Each structure stands twice: as structure tokens, then as C-alpha cells.
Amino acid sequence: MFSPSSIAAWALALTAPLALADAPPPSPLQEQLAEPGLGCVTPVLELSAKDREWLEPFYLLRGAQPVWNRDNLPVLFTQLEALADDGLEPRAYHLEPLRELAAVDDPSPRLAACVEVLATTAYLQALQDLAYGRLEQAKVEPLWEPEGMAVPQSQAPLLAIAQAGLSDPAQAFEQARPDFGPYQQLRQRYAELRRQELPQWLAIPGGTLLKPGAVDGRVPLLEQRLQLHGDLSQGAPALVAEQGSVYSTALVEAVKAFQRNHLLKPDGVVGPGTLAELNRSASERMDQIRINLERLRWLSHEIEPTSVLIDVAGAEVMFLRDHAVAWQARTQVGRPARPTPLLRSRITHLTLNPTWTIPPTILKEDKLPELRRDAAGYLAANHMQVIDYEGNPVDPRGVDWERPGRVMIRQSAGAHSPLGKVAIRFPNPFSVYLHDTPSQRLFDNLPRLFSSGCVRVERVTELVDQLLAGASPTERARIARQWDSGRTLRADLPQPVPILMAYWTAQVGADGTVQFRPDIYGHDARLLKALEASNRI
């Protein structure tokens, strides 16, 4: 909308000496925009390069005319206060100084100009943060993307929203806010919880596993906690209280409900994982919602209408068509020591009946100890062969397994292969992909952290059907024949399909309650710290 040259020329006009004797002097607003900082606040607020990138075209559109007055500033203040419902800190948008300055009777033109620029800076920053997130994702929770696939933060749409919303700032804030179902739902629940008094509770002490039927002094605390969480109804405690410290059927069922809602194995056993989630305070849960609102602001721009979405923390895969979930299944994702990476890419092809070339880390940490004990026996039992980096066979008897050098291990296709019947490929620097697995029973576990970074997909042939939806009947029949042949073959998709592997640890479930997931990779603490730091002004 604005070329760099036009913006630079306008900025220069604000600061350059008057070229003509009869040219009007710069207005107080123009003088303020030309200054490096805002002196009406203490300490002086320096205008950053990013502030100027938005301020200059904003006022250029208005012919350097002021925006704010005693009528519309209170509306702006109300909207800045409402940012708390989005998990954002209103104070970070200079709300208190603005209120104090706006209350000054008969301000000087210089003070009025300073308040004007301060209010516009807060207004534009709030719209940016609502639309794209308060933090730069690349700095705190990087998402790998191939060149040319990154989503730019476009200035023009937000400037248009900002200008159109001057008569009604509430409308501008609502338009900037993500029109994204998961975000809107989580924001609504967060806003409701903010208006309630947060419950307080004592930590349930650690100890032996608490199993159904056990007698344990921690049972009354467990009962209280489940009431506060809403997993045990207020009418149930009378029955439980009669049984003293017995871990009764009523409590077991409530624990199972809690476990399901926190993505834990719903076995009714209170072990270290369940205990850790039970002992998370209400304020910690509110923080968890706040940081996931930030993630969902990022996510709202990353999801393409038709795409594959991997919910890494939730260990699920979805195929989206026109932004709606057309298909969904469980996954197995990377163990904490070998996490599944966060990325955006495009699925380009399938490998039918794939062989498995063992990645270097797995070879070093998992396979070499076995090979050193009995290379020939291990290779034969697991349908493996040694190859060089050109794919040529290598005699394993000639390899020093203490220092194997430039060799790789390849496992043949078949029922024994950890990749199963198909691998779904997309460009990325992590050598990860989606694939079938013979370990189907592991899909019944929670959490499902079993892989070395790749994503194992339940009912993977159904996902292949979704990916091949654009293929002709003839092409689909040809691929089916290739698949049935048992040979390892490549099958290109009719057109690449976007894939997003994303991470979030809170969402609203179908019953309207907030579902919390364990932070399997420890990302939450880092994101919370960065969000808190960004709120300091």
C-alpha cells in the first residue's frame, strides 16, 4: 500500500527545513512524530523502528491530522482493558499514563500531540498483537518453514482496520482478533474464569501408587481437589466421606475423568504424572491458558484451508478441508529426548512399502550396542543390511563396529518394518515424516510418546485416501497395484498438500471445559517467561 520511498519522503518532510518562505510551519503533531521519543511519559518512551513503520503510514493516510479526543479516548481505554480477556496485559499498552494525561485540563499543544502519538502507538500495537501475537514466534518457539512458505505480517490490512475503526475502536479490535474457533472458545473460557475467584488448595503429598480400593490418608485431599476441578460432583462427597480414607469407586471414576481431561492414561491410578497435574495451582492453569492464547494467535495464520494438522502435544492428526475437520486419528509422537519438531511444509509424495534407513542418532544410540554384541545375528534377525552412502551393499564382517565410519543400516520392507506399509514425505531438515507402524497397540496409551521424532499415524490408509482425493480413478488404481506388489515405490500426490506440525497444551473440549495437556517437551515455561518479559514497560 505504501512504498518505502513514499514513507521516507513523508518522514523527511516532517524533519527537513522549510523549503519555501510561505510554507506553513509544522504542526505540533508533525513535530512530535519527528522527535525520537515521547517526553510526556517518564522515563521518555523511545519510538522504535517498528513503531515508526506503523505510525508514519497511519498518519500519512490522515494527512497528519490528529485522531484522539475526549470522546473517543475512553472507548480506546475500554478496549485496552478488554485485552486482559485475550491473555494480554493492558498495562503494556501504556494504559495508566494515557489515563492520567487524558485527564489533564487544557493541555498544551505539545502535550496534546504527545498524548496523540502515545494513544496511536498503543492502538496500533494492540491491533498487531491481537492479530499476530505479542511475541515473535521465531524467537521463542521456532517453527521451521521452507523458503517462501512463511506467512508475512501484512501491514496494509491492519492499517485499513485501524483507519476504519477510528469511529468505533471496539470494531477495530474485534476485526483484528483471530476469527478462529479454537481461539474464540479458549478466550471466552479464560474471560469467564478471570471473573471468578481462583480456588486455593493444598498439595497432595507424594507416596506409593494410589490404586482402587486402597486405604490412604491422602484420599480426603484427593476428594477435595476433584471437587474443585469439577470432576467430582458436590453431591458425591457424602458417600465418599462415609468410607473415610478408602479410594472408592466414586473417586476412581472422578480420577479417570480428570485423567481423560488432562490427556493422561485413564486407569484410575494416581501415580506421579497424575499427581503432578492434580497439584498444578489454579493460577498456573490460568497462565497455561494465556500462553496457549498466544500460540493460537500464531496458529490462526499458519493453518491452510486444506491441510494436514499434527497436534503434537495431543498426539492427534487431522485432515482439514475448507478449515473443517474431514478426518481425524491418533498418532504416536517423539519421546522428550527425541521430540517431534514443529514445522510447516508440503507433503509431496508417498513411499509405498518403504524400507527404513536408520537415522544416525538411532543407529548410534540404539543399534550400535546390539551390533557390537552380534552384528551378523542382529542384522539377519531384523532383515537389515549394511550399505554405504551411495546405497551399495557392504559386507558387515569388514566393518569395525566400534568405529563403523561411513556406513548405514537399511531394513527391508515388510511386516517387520517400523514404517509399516507407507511413509508420507515432505521436505524438512529433520528427516522426519508420517508413517504406518506395526505397533498398533500403542495407540491405546496416553501419553503416546514412543517415536524418535517421526509421527506414527493410526489408520494411515485413510489418510492416504484423503491425500489422493484429487487423483483420477486410473491413477488411484495404479497406486493400489504398486502397493499390492510389495515393492518399494514412490507415488507422487496429484498436488502437494500443506502440513503443519504444531504444539499447544490447552484447548476447549466438546463439553465446553478447558482440556489441559502435559507439557511433554517443556515449552510452556519458556513461553510464559517471554510473555511476562514482554509486558514490562
Protein backbone atom coordinates (compact mmCIF):
# COMPACT_ATOMS: atom_id res chain seq x y z
CA MET A 1 0.00 0.00 0.00
CA PHE A 2 2.87 2.37 0.85
CA SER A 3 6.19 2.17 -0.89
CA PRO A 4 9.35 2.72 1.20
CA SER A 5 10.13 5.77 -0.90
CA SER A 6 6.77 7.43 -0.20
CA ILE A 7 7.06 6.78 3.53
CA ALA A 8 10.64 8.04 3.59
CA ALA A 9 9.65 11.17 1.68
CA TRP A 10 6.82 11.87 4.12
CA ALA A 11 9.10 11.33 7.12
CA LEU A 12 11.71 13.61 5.57
CA ALA A 13 9.11 16.29 5.06
CA LEU A 14 8.42 16.30 8.77
CA THR A 15 12.01 16.96 9.71
CA ALA A 16 13.52 18.91 6.80
CA PRO A 17 13.93 22.71 6.96
CA LEU A 18 11.19 24.69 5.29
CA ALA A 19 11.90 24.89 1.58
CA LEU A 20 9.63 27.86 0.92
CA ALA A 21 9.30 31.02 2.91
CA ASP A 22 5.50 30.91 2.82
CA ALA A 23 5.21 27.19 3.69
CA PRO A 24 3.19 26.60 6.87
CA PRO A 25 5.20 25.64 9.95
CA PRO A 26 4.95 22.01 11.08
CA SER A 27 2.06 21.24 13.41
CA PRO A 28 2.71 20.07 16.98
CA LEU A 29 1.79 16.55 15.83
CA GLN A 30 4.31 16.66 13.00
CA GLU A 31 6.95 17.94 15.37
CA GLN A 32 6.19 15.15 17.82
CA LEU A 33 6.37 12.49 15.10
CA ALA A 34 9.75 13.84 14.06
CA GLU A 35 11.16 13.51 17.58
CA PRO A 36 12.85 10.28 18.69
CA GLY A 37 10.77 9.83 21.82
CA LEU A 38 7.67 10.79 23.75
CA GLY A 39 8.53 13.18 26.58
CA CYS A 40 5.09 13.18 28.17
CA VAL A 41 5.84 9.91 29.92
CA THR A 42 8.60 9.18 32.43
CA PRO A 43 11.06 7.86 31.51
CA VAL A 44 10.86 9.16 27.96
CA LEU A 45 9.35 6.49 25.69
CA GLU A 46 11.59 5.94 22.69
CA LEU A 47 9.74 5.27 19.47
CA SER A 48 11.16 2.08 17.96
CA ALA A 49 11.72 1.48 14.27
CA LYS A 50 8.70 -0.82 14.34
CA ASP A 51 6.56 1.90 15.94
CA ARG A 52 7.52 4.27 13.14
CA GLU A 53 6.84 1.66 10.45
CA TRP A 54 3.20 1.77 11.53
CA LEU A 55 2.82 5.38 12.72
CA GLU A 56 4.07 7.03 9.55
CA PRO A 57 1.70 5.39 7.04
CA PHE A 58 -1.15 5.68 9.56
CA TYR A 59 -0.81 9.47 9.76
CA LEU A 60 0.02 9.74 6.08
CA LEU A 61 -3.44 8.35 5.34
CA ARG A 62 -4.90 11.06 7.58
CA GLY A 63 -2.86 13.95 6.23
CA ALA A 64 -1.12 14.23 9.62
CA GLN A 65 -4.42 15.10 11.32
CA PRO A 66 -4.91 14.04 14.96
CA VAL A 67 -7.26 11.19 15.88
CA TRP A 68 -7.92 11.17 19.60
CA ASN A 69 -10.07 13.43 21.75
CA ARG A 70 -12.04 13.35 24.99
CA ASP A 71 -14.88 11.47 23.27
CA ASN A 72 -13.04 8.53 21.75
CA LEU A 73 -10.12 8.10 24.18
CA PRO A 74 -12.37 6.49 26.84
CA VAL A 75 -13.53 3.98 24.21
CA LEU A 76 -9.90 3.15 23.46
CA PHE A 77 -9.20 2.71 27.18
CA THR A 78 -12.11 0.25 27.47
CA GLN A 79 -10.77 -1.81 24.59
CA LEU A 80 -7.26 -1.84 26.03
CA GLU A 81 -8.70 -3.08 29.32
CA ALA A 82 -10.53 -5.86 27.45
CA LEU A 83 -7.20 -7.19 26.16
CA ALA A 84 -6.95 -8.95 29.52
CA ASP A 85 -9.57 -11.40 28.20
CA ASP A 86 -7.12 -12.26 25.41
CA GLY A 87 -4.40 -13.05 27.93
CA LEU A 88 -2.63 -9.77 27.16
CA GLU A 89 -1.56 -7.24 29.80
CA PRO A 90 -3.36 -3.88 29.39
CA ARG A 91 -0.57 -2.04 31.24
CA ALA A 92 1.83 -3.00 28.42
CA TYR A 93 -0.13 -0.60 26.18
CA HIS A 94 0.56 2.50 28.34
CA LEU A 95 -2.98 2.48 29.71
CA GLU A 96 -2.25 4.17 33.05
CA PRO A 97 -0.10 7.02 31.67
CA LEU A 98 -2.69 7.62 28.96
CA ARG A 99 -5.48 7.88 31.52
CA GLU A 100 -3.53 10.33 33.63
CA LEU A 101 -2.53 12.50 30.67
CA ALA A 102 -6.02 12.49 29.19
CA ALA A 103 -7.33 13.86 32.47
CA VAL A 104 -5.15 17.00 32.25
CA ASP A 105 -7.31 20.10 31.83
CA ASP A 106 -6.41 22.40 28.96
CA PRO A 107 -3.20 20.59 27.87
CA SER A 108 -0.61 22.49 25.87
CA PRO A 109 -0.43 21.74 22.13
CA ARG A 110 2.84 19.89 22.73
CA LEU A 111 1.34 17.72 25.47
CA ALA A 112 -1.76 17.05 23.34
CA ALA A 113 0.46 15.94 20.44
CA CYS A 114 2.43 13.63 22.74
CA VAL A 115 -0.77 12.05 24.09
CA GLU A 116 -1.99 11.67 20.50
CA VAL A 117 1.08 9.72 19.41
CA LEU A 118 1.14 7.67 22.62
CA ALA A 119 -2.52 6.67 22.12
CA THR A 120 -1.96 5.77 18.47
CA THR A 121 1.14 3.75 19.36
CA ALA A 122 -0.90 1.78 21.91
CA TYR A 123 -3.80 1.37 19.46
CA LEU A 124 -1.67 0.06 16.60
CA GLN A 125 0.43 -2.18 18.86
CA ALA A 126 -2.69 -3.72 20.37
CA LEU A 127 -4.13 -4.48 16.92
CA GLN A 128 -0.83 -6.07 15.82
CA ASP A 129 -0.61 -8.18 18.96
CA LEU A 130 -4.19 -9.38 18.64
CA ALA A 131 -3.73 -10.29 15.00
CA TYR A 132 -0.25 -11.81 15.00
CA GLY A 133 0.72 -12.41 18.62
CA ARG A 134 2.57 -10.38 21.23
CA LEU A 135 5.81 -12.31 20.70
CA GLU A 136 7.84 -13.20 17.65
CA GLN A 137 7.32 -16.92 17.37
CA ALA A 138 10.68 -17.44 15.66
CA LYS A 139 12.46 -16.21 18.79
CA VAL A 140 10.63 -18.20 21.47
CA GLU A 141 9.09 -21.28 19.82
CA PRO A 142 10.55 -21.59 16.32
CA LEU A 143 8.52 -23.20 13.57
CA TRP A 144 10.64 -24.42 10.67
CA GLU A 145 9.30 -23.40 7.26
CA PRO A 146 10.78 -23.82 3.78
CA GLU A 147 11.81 -20.68 1.97
CA GLY A 148 8.82 -18.88 0.52
CA MET A 149 6.24 -20.52 2.79
CA ALA A 150 6.44 -18.15 5.78
CA VAL A 151 3.30 -16.09 6.44
CA PRO A 152 4.19 -12.38 6.27
CA GLN A 153 2.73 -9.90 8.72
CA SER A 154 0.95 -7.72 6.21
CA GLN A 155 0.72 -4.07 7.19
CA ALA A 156 -2.00 -2.98 4.77
CA PRO A 157 -4.97 -4.97 6.18
CA LEU A 158 -4.29 -3.87 9.74
CA LEU A 159 -3.86 -0.25 8.70
CA ALA A 160 -7.19 -0.46 6.91
CA ILE A 161 -8.80 -1.93 10.04
CA ALA A 162 -7.17 0.77 12.18
CA GLN A 163 -8.42 3.59 9.97
CA ALA A 164 -11.92 2.19 9.56
CA GLY A 165 -12.20 1.56 13.28
CA LEU A 166 -11.48 5.10 14.42
CA SER A 167 -15.18 5.86 14.69
CA ASP A 168 -15.65 2.62 16.65
CA PRO A 169 -12.40 1.25 18.16
CA ALA A 170 -14.31 -1.76 19.51
CA GLN A 171 -14.98 -2.83 15.92
CA ALA A 172 -11.28 -2.49 15.03
CA PHE A 173 -10.24 -4.67 17.97
CA GLU A 174 -12.82 -7.30 17.08
CA GLN A 175 -11.68 -7.38 13.45
CA ALA A 176 -8.03 -7.74 14.44
CA ARG A 177 -8.81 -10.55 16.91
CA PRO A 178 -8.44 -14.00 15.25
CA ASP A 179 -11.64 -15.27 13.69
CA PHE A 180 -10.53 -18.78 14.63
CA GLY A 181 -12.84 -21.14 16.51
CA PRO A 182 -10.27 -22.62 18.95
CA TYR A 183 -9.06 -19.11 19.84
CA GLN A 184 -12.54 -17.67 20.35
CA GLN A 185 -13.58 -20.63 22.52
CA LEU A 186 -10.48 -20.52 24.71
CA ARG A 187 -10.71 -16.73 25.04
CA GLN A 188 -14.33 -16.98 26.19
CA ARG A 189 -13.50 -19.57 28.86
CA TYR A 190 -10.47 -17.55 30.03
CA ALA A 191 -12.61 -14.41 30.32
CA GLU A 192 -15.17 -16.31 32.42
CA LEU A 193 -12.50 -17.77 34.69
CA ARG A 194 -10.86 -14.35 35.17
CA ARG A 195 -14.06 -13.08 36.71
CA GLN A 196 -14.21 -15.89 39.26
CA GLU A 197 -12.28 -16.21 42.48
CA LEU A 198 -9.47 -18.67 41.89
CA PRO A 199 -9.69 -21.69 44.19
CA GLN A 200 -6.82 -22.48 46.54
CA TRP A 201 -5.76 -25.97 47.57
CA LEU A 202 -3.10 -27.87 49.49
CA ALA A 203 -0.73 -30.07 47.53
CA ILE A 204 -1.45 -33.79 47.70
CA PRO A 205 1.71 -35.40 49.08
CA GLY A 206 3.64 -37.95 47.07
CA GLY A 207 3.83 -41.59 48.10
CA THR A 208 3.01 -45.04 46.82
CA LEU A 209 0.71 -45.51 43.85
CA LEU A 210 -2.88 -44.90 44.89
CA LYS A 211 -4.89 -47.77 43.39
CA PRO A 212 -8.63 -48.53 43.53
CA GLY A 213 -9.69 -49.91 46.88
CA ALA A 214 -6.59 -48.71 48.72
CA VAL A 215 -6.80 -47.10 52.17
CA ASP A 216 -4.71 -43.93 52.16
CA GLY A 217 -4.67 -40.76 54.24
CA ARG A 218 -4.43 -38.66 51.09
CA VAL A 219 -7.93 -39.64 49.93
CA PRO A 220 -9.76 -36.68 51.60
CA LEU A 221 -7.36 -34.23 49.86
CA LEU A 222 -7.89 -36.03 46.57
CA GLU A 223 -11.66 -35.80 47.04
CA GLN A 224 -11.43 -32.04 47.70
CA ARG A 225 -9.23 -31.50 44.67
CA LEU A 226 -11.56 -33.38 42.33
CA GLN A 227 -14.50 -31.32 43.60
CA LEU A 228 -12.67 -28.09 42.84
CA HIS A 229 -11.73 -29.36 39.38
CA GLY A 230 -15.37 -30.29 38.72
CA ASP A 231 -14.61 -33.98 38.15
CA LEU A 232 -16.48 -34.98 41.32
CA SER A 233 -19.95 -33.56 41.84
CA GLN A 234 -20.80 -31.73 45.03
CA GLY A 235 -23.32 -34.47 45.91
CA ALA A 236 -20.78 -37.29 45.86
CA PRO A 237 -18.62 -36.44 48.92
CA ALA A 238 -21.20 -37.64 51.46
CA LEU A 239 -20.81 -41.17 50.12
CA VAL A 240 -17.05 -40.83 49.98
CA ALA A 241 -16.79 -39.33 53.46
CA GLU A 242 -18.60 -42.34 54.95
CA GLN A 243 -15.82 -44.52 53.59
CA GLY A 244 -13.09 -42.47 55.30
CA SER A 245 -9.76 -42.88 53.54
CA VAL A 246 -10.84 -45.62 51.15
CA TYR A 247 -10.11 -44.91 47.50
CA SER A 248 -13.65 -45.79 46.46
CA THR A 249 -15.29 -46.44 43.11
CA ALA A 250 -16.81 -42.93 43.07
CA LEU A 251 -13.37 -41.35 43.43
CA VAL A 252 -11.78 -43.72 40.91
CA GLU A 253 -14.30 -42.67 38.26
CA ALA A 254 -13.67 -39.00 39.07
CA VAL A 255 -9.90 -39.55 38.73
CA LYS A 256 -10.46 -41.23 35.36
CA ALA A 257 -12.45 -38.18 34.21
CA PHE A 258 -9.62 -35.91 35.37
CA GLN A 259 -7.06 -38.06 33.57
CA ARG A 260 -9.01 -38.00 30.30
CA ASN A 261 -9.34 -34.23 30.52
CA HIS A 262 -5.58 -33.87 31.05
CA LEU A 263 -4.51 -36.37 28.39
CA LEU A 264 -3.29 -38.95 30.88
CA LYS A 265 -3.89 -42.68 30.79
CA PRO A 266 -7.40 -43.06 32.30
CA ASP A 267 -6.63 -46.04 34.55
CA GLY A 268 -7.77 -44.51 37.84
CA VAL A 269 -4.31 -45.00 39.35
CA VAL A 270 -2.86 -41.87 40.98
CA GLY A 271 0.84 -42.00 40.16
CA PRO A 272 3.49 -39.28 39.74
CA GLY A 273 2.10 -37.98 36.43
CA THR A 274 -1.49 -37.68 37.63
CA LEU A 275 -0.34 -36.26 40.97
CA ALA A 276 1.72 -33.56 39.23
CA GLU A 277 -1.29 -32.45 37.19
CA LEU A 278 -3.59 -32.52 40.23
CA ASN A 279 -1.18 -30.30 42.15
CA ARG A 280 -0.94 -27.60 39.50
CA SER A 281 -2.41 -24.45 41.05
CA ALA A 282 -5.34 -22.52 39.58
CA SER A 283 -3.04 -19.57 38.81
CA GLU A 284 -0.68 -21.91 36.93
CA ARG A 285 -3.62 -23.13 34.86
CA MET A 286 -4.57 -19.54 34.05
CA ASP A 287 -1.01 -18.93 32.88
CA GLN A 288 -1.25 -22.07 30.76
CA ILE A 289 -4.37 -20.72 29.06
CA ARG A 290 -2.69 -17.33 28.48
CA ILE A 291 0.30 -18.78 26.70
CA ASN A 292 -1.91 -21.00 24.57
CA LEU A 293 -3.97 -17.99 23.51
CA GLU A 294 -0.66 -16.61 22.22
CA ARG A 295 0.03 -19.88 20.38
CA LEU A 296 -3.43 -19.83 18.84
CA ARG A 297 -2.85 -16.28 17.57
CA TRP A 298 0.15 -17.66 15.68
CA LEU A 299 -1.70 -20.78 14.61
CA SER A 300 -4.61 -18.83 13.13
CA HIS A 301 -2.28 -17.64 10.34
CA GLU A 302 -0.42 -20.92 9.85
CA ILE A 303 -3.30 -23.31 9.12
CA GLU A 304 -4.22 -23.53 5.45
CA PRO A 305 -7.84 -24.34 4.44
CA THR A 306 -6.99 -27.81 3.11
CA SER A 307 -4.07 -29.32 5.00
CA VAL A 308 -2.81 -31.94 7.42
CA LEU A 309 -2.56 -30.71 11.03
CA ILE A 310 -0.49 -32.61 13.58
CA ASP A 311 -1.43 -31.78 17.17
CA VAL A 312 1.91 -32.74 18.68
CA ALA A 313 1.07 -32.33 22.39
CA GLY A 314 -2.30 -34.01 21.89
CA ALA A 315 -0.82 -36.78 19.70
CA GLU A 316 -3.52 -36.49 17.05
CA VAL A 317 -3.67 -35.87 13.31
CA MET A 318 -6.44 -34.06 11.42
CA PHE A 319 -7.11 -33.65 7.73
CA LEU A 320 -8.75 -30.26 7.18
CA ARG A 321 -10.86 -29.44 4.18
CA ASP A 322 -12.12 -25.84 3.94
CA HIS A 323 -10.93 -25.38 7.55
CA ALA A 324 -13.26 -28.17 8.78
CA VAL A 325 -12.01 -31.48 10.18
CA ALA A 326 -12.76 -34.07 7.49
CA TRP A 327 -10.81 -36.90 9.15
CA GLN A 328 -9.05 -37.43 12.47
CA ALA A 329 -6.94 -40.15 14.12
CA ARG A 330 -4.45 -40.77 16.90
CA THR A 331 -0.70 -40.53 16.49
CA GLN A 332 2.45 -41.53 18.32
CA VAL A 333 4.97 -38.70 18.57
CA GLY A 334 8.56 -38.25 19.71
CA ARG A 335 9.78 -39.02 23.19
CA PRO A 336 11.01 -35.97 25.16
CA ALA A 337 14.61 -36.97 24.46
CA ARG A 338 13.83 -37.04 20.71
CA PRO A 339 10.97 -34.57 20.25
CA THR A 340 8.85 -34.23 17.14
CA PRO A 341 9.86 -30.91 15.54
CA LEU A 342 7.45 -28.03 14.90
CA LEU A 343 7.26 -27.22 11.21
CA ARG A 344 5.27 -26.24 8.15
CA SER A 345 5.89 -27.93 4.84
CA ARG A 346 4.09 -29.57 1.90
CA ILE A 347 3.51 -33.29 1.50
CA THR A 348 4.81 -34.19 -1.95
CA HIS A 349 4.82 -37.98 -2.22
CA LEU A 350 4.34 -41.36 -0.60
CA THR A 351 6.80 -44.21 -0.27
CA LEU A 352 4.84 -47.43 -0.70
CA ASN A 353 6.21 -50.48 1.14
CA PRO A 354 9.09 -48.37 2.48
CA THR A 355 12.48 -49.62 3.54
CA TRP A 356 13.90 -47.96 6.63
CA THR A 357 17.32 -46.35 6.60
CA ILE A 358 18.17 -45.98 10.26
CA PRO A 359 18.82 -42.32 11.20
CA PRO A 360 22.29 -41.54 12.62
CA THR A 361 21.08 -40.84 16.17
CA ILE A 362 19.10 -44.07 16.40
CA LEU A 363 21.99 -46.01 14.85
CA LYS A 364 24.45 -44.58 17.36
CA GLU A 365 22.32 -44.81 20.50
CA ASP A 366 20.08 -47.81 19.87
CA LYS A 367 21.57 -50.10 17.23
CA LEU A 368 25.35 -49.98 17.60
CA PRO A 369 25.32 -51.62 21.07
CA GLU A 370 23.39 -54.54 19.55
CA LEU A 371 25.65 -54.72 16.51
CA ARG A 372 28.77 -54.79 18.68
CA ARG A 373 27.43 -57.81 20.54
CA ASP A 374 26.48 -59.87 17.45
CA ALA A 375 26.37 -57.97 14.16
CA ALA A 376 25.59 -60.93 11.87
CA GLY A 377 22.86 -62.33 14.13
CA TYR A 378 21.21 -58.94 14.75
CA LEU A 379 21.20 -57.97 11.06
CA ALA A 380 19.72 -61.32 9.98
CA ALA A 381 17.06 -61.38 12.69
CA ASN A 382 15.88 -57.87 11.81
CA HIS A 383 16.05 -58.10 7.99
CA MET A 384 18.78 -55.48 7.82
CA GLN A 385 21.74 -54.92 5.55
CA VAL A 386 24.78 -52.65 5.69
CA ILE A 387 25.15 -50.15 2.85
CA ASP A 388 27.48 -47.28 2.02
CA TYR A 389 26.37 -43.69 1.41
CA GLU A 390 25.77 -44.49 -2.27
CA GLY A 391 23.42 -47.35 -1.35
CA ASN A 392 25.85 -50.14 -2.25
CA PRO A 393 25.90 -53.29 -0.07
CA VAL A 394 28.77 -53.58 2.43
CA ASP A 395 29.99 -56.83 3.98
CA PRO A 396 29.28 -56.45 7.73
CA ARG A 397 32.27 -58.65 8.52
CA GLY A 398 34.55 -55.92 7.21
CA VAL A 399 33.10 -53.19 9.43
CA ASP A 400 34.74 -52.19 12.69
CA TRP A 401 31.56 -51.74 14.75
CA GLU A 402 33.48 -49.79 17.38
CA ARG A 403 34.20 -47.18 14.68
CA PRO A 404 31.88 -48.04 11.79
CA GLY A 405 32.70 -44.97 9.68
CA ARG A 406 30.60 -44.05 6.64
CA VAL A 407 28.11 -46.89 6.59
CA MET A 408 24.35 -47.04 7.08
CA ILE A 409 21.88 -49.75 8.04
CA ARG A 410 18.79 -50.35 5.93
CA GLN A 411 15.88 -52.54 6.96
CA SER A 412 13.85 -54.17 4.19
CA ALA A 413 10.14 -53.54 3.67
CA GLY A 414 7.56 -55.84 5.19
CA ALA A 415 5.54 -56.54 8.31
CA HIS A 416 8.71 -56.27 10.41
CA SER A 417 9.43 -52.70 9.23
CA PRO A 418 8.80 -49.92 11.78
CA LEU A 419 7.45 -47.82 8.89
CA GLY A 420 4.71 -50.32 8.08
CA LYS A 421 3.05 -50.07 4.68
CA VAL A 422 3.63 -46.42 3.81
CA ALA A 423 5.67 -43.32 4.61
CA ILE A 424 4.27 -39.85 3.88
CA ARG A 425 7.07 -37.49 2.82
CA PHE A 426 7.59 -33.74 2.93
CA PRO A 427 10.72 -31.56 2.75
CA ASN A 428 12.32 -30.77 6.12
CA PRO A 429 15.83 -30.71 7.62
CA PHE A 430 14.94 -33.12 10.47
CA SER A 431 14.49 -36.29 8.36
CA VAL A 432 11.00 -36.77 9.83
CA TYR A 433 7.85 -37.97 8.09
CA LEU A 434 4.48 -39.56 8.83
CA HIS A 435 4.25 -43.32 8.62
CA ASP A 436 2.38 -46.52 9.38
CA THR A 437 3.52 -48.69 12.29
CA PRO A 438 3.22 -52.33 13.37
CA SER A 439 2.92 -51.08 16.98
CA GLN A 440 -0.83 -50.52 16.75
CA ARG A 441 -1.49 -51.36 20.41
CA LEU A 442 0.44 -48.27 21.48
CA PHE A 443 -2.31 -46.03 20.11
CA ASP A 444 -4.39 -47.02 23.15
CA ASN A 445 -1.83 -45.45 25.52
CA LEU A 446 -1.68 -41.96 26.97
CA PRO A 447 0.50 -40.06 26.57
CA ARG A 448 1.65 -41.51 23.22
CA LEU A 449 5.36 -40.67 23.29
CA PHE A 450 7.08 -43.57 21.58
CA SER A 451 8.80 -42.43 18.39
CA SER A 452 12.21 -40.91 17.69
CA GLY A 453 10.70 -37.75 16.17
CA CYS A 454 8.65 -39.07 13.26
CA VAL A 455 4.87 -39.30 13.58
CA ARG A 456 3.21 -42.71 13.55
CA VAL A 457 -0.35 -42.50 12.22
CA GLU A 458 -3.30 -44.67 13.15
CA ARG A 459 -5.43 -45.89 10.20
CA VAL A 460 -2.85 -44.41 7.87
CA THR A 461 -4.50 -45.78 4.72
CA GLU A 462 -7.47 -43.49 5.40
CA LEU A 463 -5.12 -40.51 5.49
CA VAL A 464 -3.63 -41.66 2.18
CA ASP A 465 -7.17 -41.67 0.73
CA GLN A 466 -7.56 -38.05 1.80
CA LEU A 467 -4.21 -37.09 0.26
CA LEU A 468 -5.13 -38.79 -3.03
CA ALA A 469 -8.60 -37.23 -3.22
CA GLY A 470 -7.57 -35.28 -6.34
CA ALA A 471 -6.16 -38.31 -8.18
CA SER A 472 -8.06 -39.83 -11.09
CA PRO A 473 -9.56 -43.34 -10.73
CA THR A 474 -6.88 -44.61 -13.13
CA GLU A 475 -4.09 -43.11 -11.03
CA ARG A 476 -5.55 -44.47 -7.80
CA ALA A 477 -5.84 -47.94 -9.32
CA ARG A 478 -2.21 -47.79 -10.48
CA ILE A 479 -1.03 -46.79 -6.99
CA ALA A 480 -3.09 -49.60 -5.44
CA ARG A 481 -1.42 -52.13 -7.77
CA GLN A 482 2.01 -50.79 -6.86
CA TRP A 483 1.18 -51.01 -3.18
CA ASP A 484 -0.06 -54.60 -3.50
CA SER A 485 3.12 -55.61 -5.33
CA GLY A 486 5.14 -55.34 -2.12
CA ARG A 487 7.87 -53.44 -3.95
CA THR A 488 9.27 -50.17 -2.61
CA LEU A 489 7.95 -47.46 -4.92
CA ARG A 490 7.38 -43.71 -4.90
CA ALA A 491 3.90 -42.30 -5.58
CA ASP A 492 3.60 -38.54 -6.13
CA LEU A 493 0.50 -36.73 -4.90
CA PRO A 494 -1.71 -35.10 -7.57
CA GLN A 495 -0.75 -31.82 -5.89
CA PRO A 496 1.25 -31.02 -2.75
CA VAL A 497 -0.76 -30.84 0.47
CA PRO A 498 0.29 -28.42 3.25
CA ILE A 499 1.23 -29.97 6.58
CA LEU A 500 1.56 -28.17 9.92
CA MET A 501 3.09 -29.82 13.00
CA ALA A 502 2.08 -27.52 15.88
CA TYR A 503 2.12 -27.53 19.67
CA TRP A 504 -0.46 -26.33 22.17
CA THR A 505 -1.30 -27.53 25.69
CA ALA A 506 -4.80 -26.14 26.34
CA GLN A 507 -7.99 -26.17 24.32
CA VAL A 508 -11.75 -26.20 24.88
CA GLY A 509 -13.30 -29.64 24.56
CA ALA A 510 -16.65 -30.61 23.11
CA ASP A 511 -18.24 -30.30 26.57
CA GLY A 512 -17.10 -26.69 26.92
CA THR A 513 -14.46 -27.35 29.58
CA VAL A 514 -10.79 -26.47 29.18
CA GLN A 515 -8.67 -29.53 28.44
CA PHE A 516 -5.10 -29.31 29.67
CA ARG A 517 -2.32 -31.44 28.24
CA PRO A 518 1.01 -32.27 29.88
CA ASP A 519 3.76 -30.03 28.52
CA ILE A 520 5.61 -33.02 27.06
CA TYR A 521 8.57 -31.03 25.70
CA GLY A 522 8.82 -28.33 28.37
CA HIS A 523 7.96 -25.45 26.02
CA ASP A 524 5.41 -23.76 28.31
CA ALA A 525 7.82 -22.33 30.88
CA ARG A 526 9.97 -20.68 28.21
CA LEU A 527 6.95 -19.15 26.50
CA LEU A 528 5.48 -17.87 29.79
CA LYS A 529 8.79 -16.25 30.72
CA ALA A 530 8.98 -14.50 27.35
CA LEU A 531 5.37 -13.31 27.59
CA GLU A 532 5.92 -11.92 31.08
CA ALA A 533 9.09 -10.13 29.96
CA SER A 534 7.24 -8.52 27.04
CA ASN A 535 4.73 -6.98 29.46
CA ARG A 536 7.33 -4.93 31.31
CA ILE A 537 7.21 -1.30 30.25
